[in-house]
Each structure stands twice: as structure tokens, then as C-alpha cells.
N, C-alpha and C. Protein backbone atom coordinates (compact mmCIF):
# COMPACT_ATOMS: atom_id res chain seq x y z
N MET A 1 1.01 -1.41 -0.07
CA MET A 1 -0.07 0.00 0.06
C MET A 1 0.88 1.15 -0.02
N LEU A 2 1.85 1.26 0.72
CA LEU A 2 2.80 2.46 0.69
C LEU A 2 3.39 2.75 -0.50
N ARG A 3 3.89 1.70 -1.29
CA ARG A 3 4.36 1.91 -2.31
C ARG A 3 3.56 2.15 -3.38
N GLU A 4 2.47 1.78 -3.62
CA GLU A 4 1.31 2.17 -4.26
C GLU A 4 0.98 3.61 -4.30
N ALA A 5 1.23 4.27 -2.90
CA ALA A 5 0.69 5.55 -2.45
C ALA A 5 1.96 6.43 -2.93
N GLY A 6 2.93 5.80 -3.35
CA GLY A 6 4.19 6.78 -3.74
C GLY A 6 5.15 7.13 -2.41
N VAL A 7 4.77 6.45 -1.13
CA VAL A 7 5.71 7.03 -0.18
C VAL A 7 6.88 6.17 0.19
N THR A 8 6.99 5.11 -0.28
CA THR A 8 8.00 4.41 -0.44
C THR A 8 8.86 3.92 -1.62
N GLN A 9 9.90 3.28 -1.35
CA GLN A 9 10.57 2.74 -2.76
C GLN A 9 11.30 1.30 -2.04
N ILE A 10 11.56 0.40 -2.91
CA ILE A 10 12.02 -0.76 -2.43
C ILE A 10 13.22 -1.12 -3.39
N ARG A 11 14.38 -1.41 -2.66
CA ARG A 11 15.43 -1.81 -3.47
C ARG A 11 16.07 -3.21 -2.94
N GLN A 12 16.50 -3.92 -3.62
CA GLN A 12 17.05 -5.24 -3.42
C GLN A 12 18.52 -5.00 -3.27
N GLU A 13 18.92 -5.45 -2.05
CA GLU A 13 20.55 -5.73 -1.80
C GLU A 13 20.89 -7.33 -1.50
N GLY A 14 21.31 -7.87 -2.44
CA GLY A 14 21.27 -9.62 -2.34
C GLY A 14 20.13 -9.84 -2.00
N THR A 15 20.01 -10.46 -0.58
CA THR A 15 18.78 -11.15 -0.46
C THR A 15 18.00 -10.29 0.54
N ARG A 16 18.27 -9.13 0.65
CA ARG A 16 17.52 -8.28 1.50
C ARG A 16 16.64 -7.26 0.52
N SER A 17 15.68 -7.04 1.17
CA SER A 17 14.89 -5.71 0.52
C SER A 17 15.06 -4.52 1.57
N CYS A 18 15.55 -3.58 1.06
CA CYS A 18 15.56 -2.28 1.84
C CYS A 18 14.56 -1.39 1.40
N VAL A 19 13.63 -0.89 2.45
CA VAL A 19 12.50 -0.05 2.18
C VAL A 19 12.87 1.21 2.44
N THR A 20 12.72 2.28 1.78
CA THR A 20 13.23 3.81 1.50
C THR A 20 11.90 4.59 1.99
N LEU A 21 11.72 5.51 2.50
CA LEU A 21 10.71 6.53 2.68
C LEU A 21 11.20 7.47 1.84
N ARG A 22 10.28 8.18 0.98
CA ARG A 22 10.32 8.83 -0.10
C ARG A 22 9.92 10.20 0.85
N ARG A 23 10.99 10.70 1.55
CA ARG A 23 10.63 11.90 2.43
C ARG A 23 9.84 13.08 1.89
N GLU A 24 10.06 13.54 0.56
CA GLU A 24 9.57 14.63 -0.06
C GLU A 24 8.13 14.41 -0.35
N ALA A 25 7.82 13.25 -0.49
CA ALA A 25 6.29 12.68 -0.70
C ALA A 25 5.48 12.75 0.54
N ILE A 26 6.32 12.09 1.75
CA ILE A 26 5.37 12.33 2.87
C ILE A 26 5.44 13.64 3.27
N GLU A 27 6.49 14.56 3.14
CA GLU A 27 6.37 15.90 3.70
C GLU A 27 5.36 16.83 3.06
N ALA A 28 5.11 16.40 1.78
CA ALA A 28 4.12 17.24 1.09
C ALA A 28 2.66 16.61 1.55
N ARG A 29 2.46 15.58 1.81
CA ARG A 29 1.23 15.11 2.28
C ARG A 29 0.85 15.32 3.67
N PHE A 30 1.90 15.08 4.61
CA PHE A 30 2.01 15.30 5.94
C PHE A 30 2.76 16.22 6.70
N PRO A 31 2.74 17.39 6.37
CA PRO A 31 3.92 18.27 6.82
C PRO A 31 4.30 18.26 8.40
N GLY A 32 5.82 17.77 8.92
CA GLY A 32 6.13 17.63 9.96
C GLY A 32 6.09 16.41 10.66
N LEU A 33 5.24 15.40 9.51
CA LEU A 33 5.16 13.89 10.46
C LEU A 33 6.38 13.68 10.76
N LEU A 34 7.25 13.06 9.73
CA LEU A 34 8.55 12.39 9.98
C LEU A 34 9.57 12.97 11.11
N PRO A 35 9.57 14.51 11.21
CA PRO A 35 10.75 15.05 12.45
C PRO A 35 9.64 14.67 13.59
N ALA A 36 8.31 14.77 13.72
CA ALA A 36 7.91 14.34 15.09
C ALA A 36 7.94 12.84 15.30
N LEU A 37 7.86 12.03 14.62
CA LEU A 37 7.89 10.33 14.64
C LEU A 37 9.32 10.16 15.24
N LEU A 38 10.33 10.63 14.31
CA LEU A 38 11.89 10.51 14.78
C LEU A 38 12.11 11.19 16.13
N SER A 39 11.66 12.10 16.55
CA SER A 39 11.78 12.93 17.76
C SER A 39 11.29 11.87 18.99
N ALA A 40 9.90 11.33 18.75
CA ALA A 40 9.19 10.71 19.53
C ALA A 40 9.98 9.30 19.83
N ALA A 41 10.58 8.48 18.62
CA ALA A 41 11.35 7.39 18.78
C ALA A 41 12.68 7.57 19.62
N VAL A 42 13.08 8.84 19.25
CA VAL A 42 14.47 9.24 20.24
C VAL A 42 14.24 9.10 21.63
N ALA A 43 12.99 9.93 22.14
CA ALA A 43 12.71 10.08 23.39
C ALA A 43 12.17 8.89 24.02
N ASP A 44 11.67 7.74 23.35
CA ASP A 44 10.99 6.49 23.81
C ASP A 44 12.23 5.48 23.55
N GLY A 45 13.22 5.78 23.14
CA GLY A 45 14.50 4.80 23.15
C GLY A 45 14.26 3.60 22.07
N VAL A 46 13.68 3.93 20.93
CA VAL A 46 13.21 2.73 19.94
C VAL A 46 13.46 3.21 19.09
N GLY A 47 13.52 2.15 17.89
CA GLY A 47 14.01 2.60 16.60
C GLY A 47 15.51 2.83 16.28
N GLU A 48 16.32 1.93 17.18
CA GLU A 48 18.07 2.49 16.96
C GLU A 48 18.18 1.95 15.50
N HIS A 49 17.55 0.91 14.68
CA HIS A 49 17.91 0.51 13.64
C HIS A 49 17.45 1.41 12.27
N VAL A 50 16.68 2.40 12.58
CA VAL A 50 16.15 3.57 11.69
C VAL A 50 17.41 4.53 11.40
N THR A 51 17.62 4.82 10.30
CA THR A 51 18.57 5.56 10.04
C THR A 51 18.09 6.66 9.11
N GLU A 52 18.66 8.20 8.96
CA GLU A 52 18.23 9.16 7.96
C GLU A 52 19.42 9.34 7.21
N ARG A 53 19.05 8.86 5.79
CA ARG A 53 20.05 9.31 5.01
C ARG A 53 19.84 10.49 3.85
N GLU A 54 20.42 11.07 3.36
CA GLU A 54 20.10 12.12 2.33
C GLU A 54 19.94 11.15 1.20
N ALA A 55 18.85 11.87 0.16
CA ALA A 55 18.51 11.47 -1.08
C ALA A 55 19.94 11.24 -1.93
N GLY A 56 20.12 9.93 -2.43
CA GLY A 56 20.97 9.41 -3.10
C GLY A 56 22.11 8.69 -2.45
N SER A 57 22.23 8.63 -1.23
CA SER A 57 23.11 7.93 -0.40
C SER A 57 23.04 6.53 -0.48
């Protein structure tokens, strides 16, 4: 559903599938959502496996 909505993309790395959020698409639809979620995750001490990368990284 998220891929069909245009907010994620999936790339294969060997046997793994890496799901990337399309930050611009999410920000356009839900301004401020990602920073709020990431801040809440840090405050709650969860999501250590989540990383932020610039586009093209």
C-alpha cells in the first residue's frame, strides 16, 4: 500500500529488501510528520535500526 501510494521505494541488496521512505512525498502530504515521529522514537529509546540518509546516499 505505501509503495502504491508513492511514499516508499524498495531496493534489493542481495537477499535483503531495503525499504526507503520518500521523504519529499511524505512531507508534501503530511507536513512535520517525519520529524515528529523520529523525535518521539528518540525520546522513547526505540528505533535504533532506523537511519536518516540524504537522497542519493
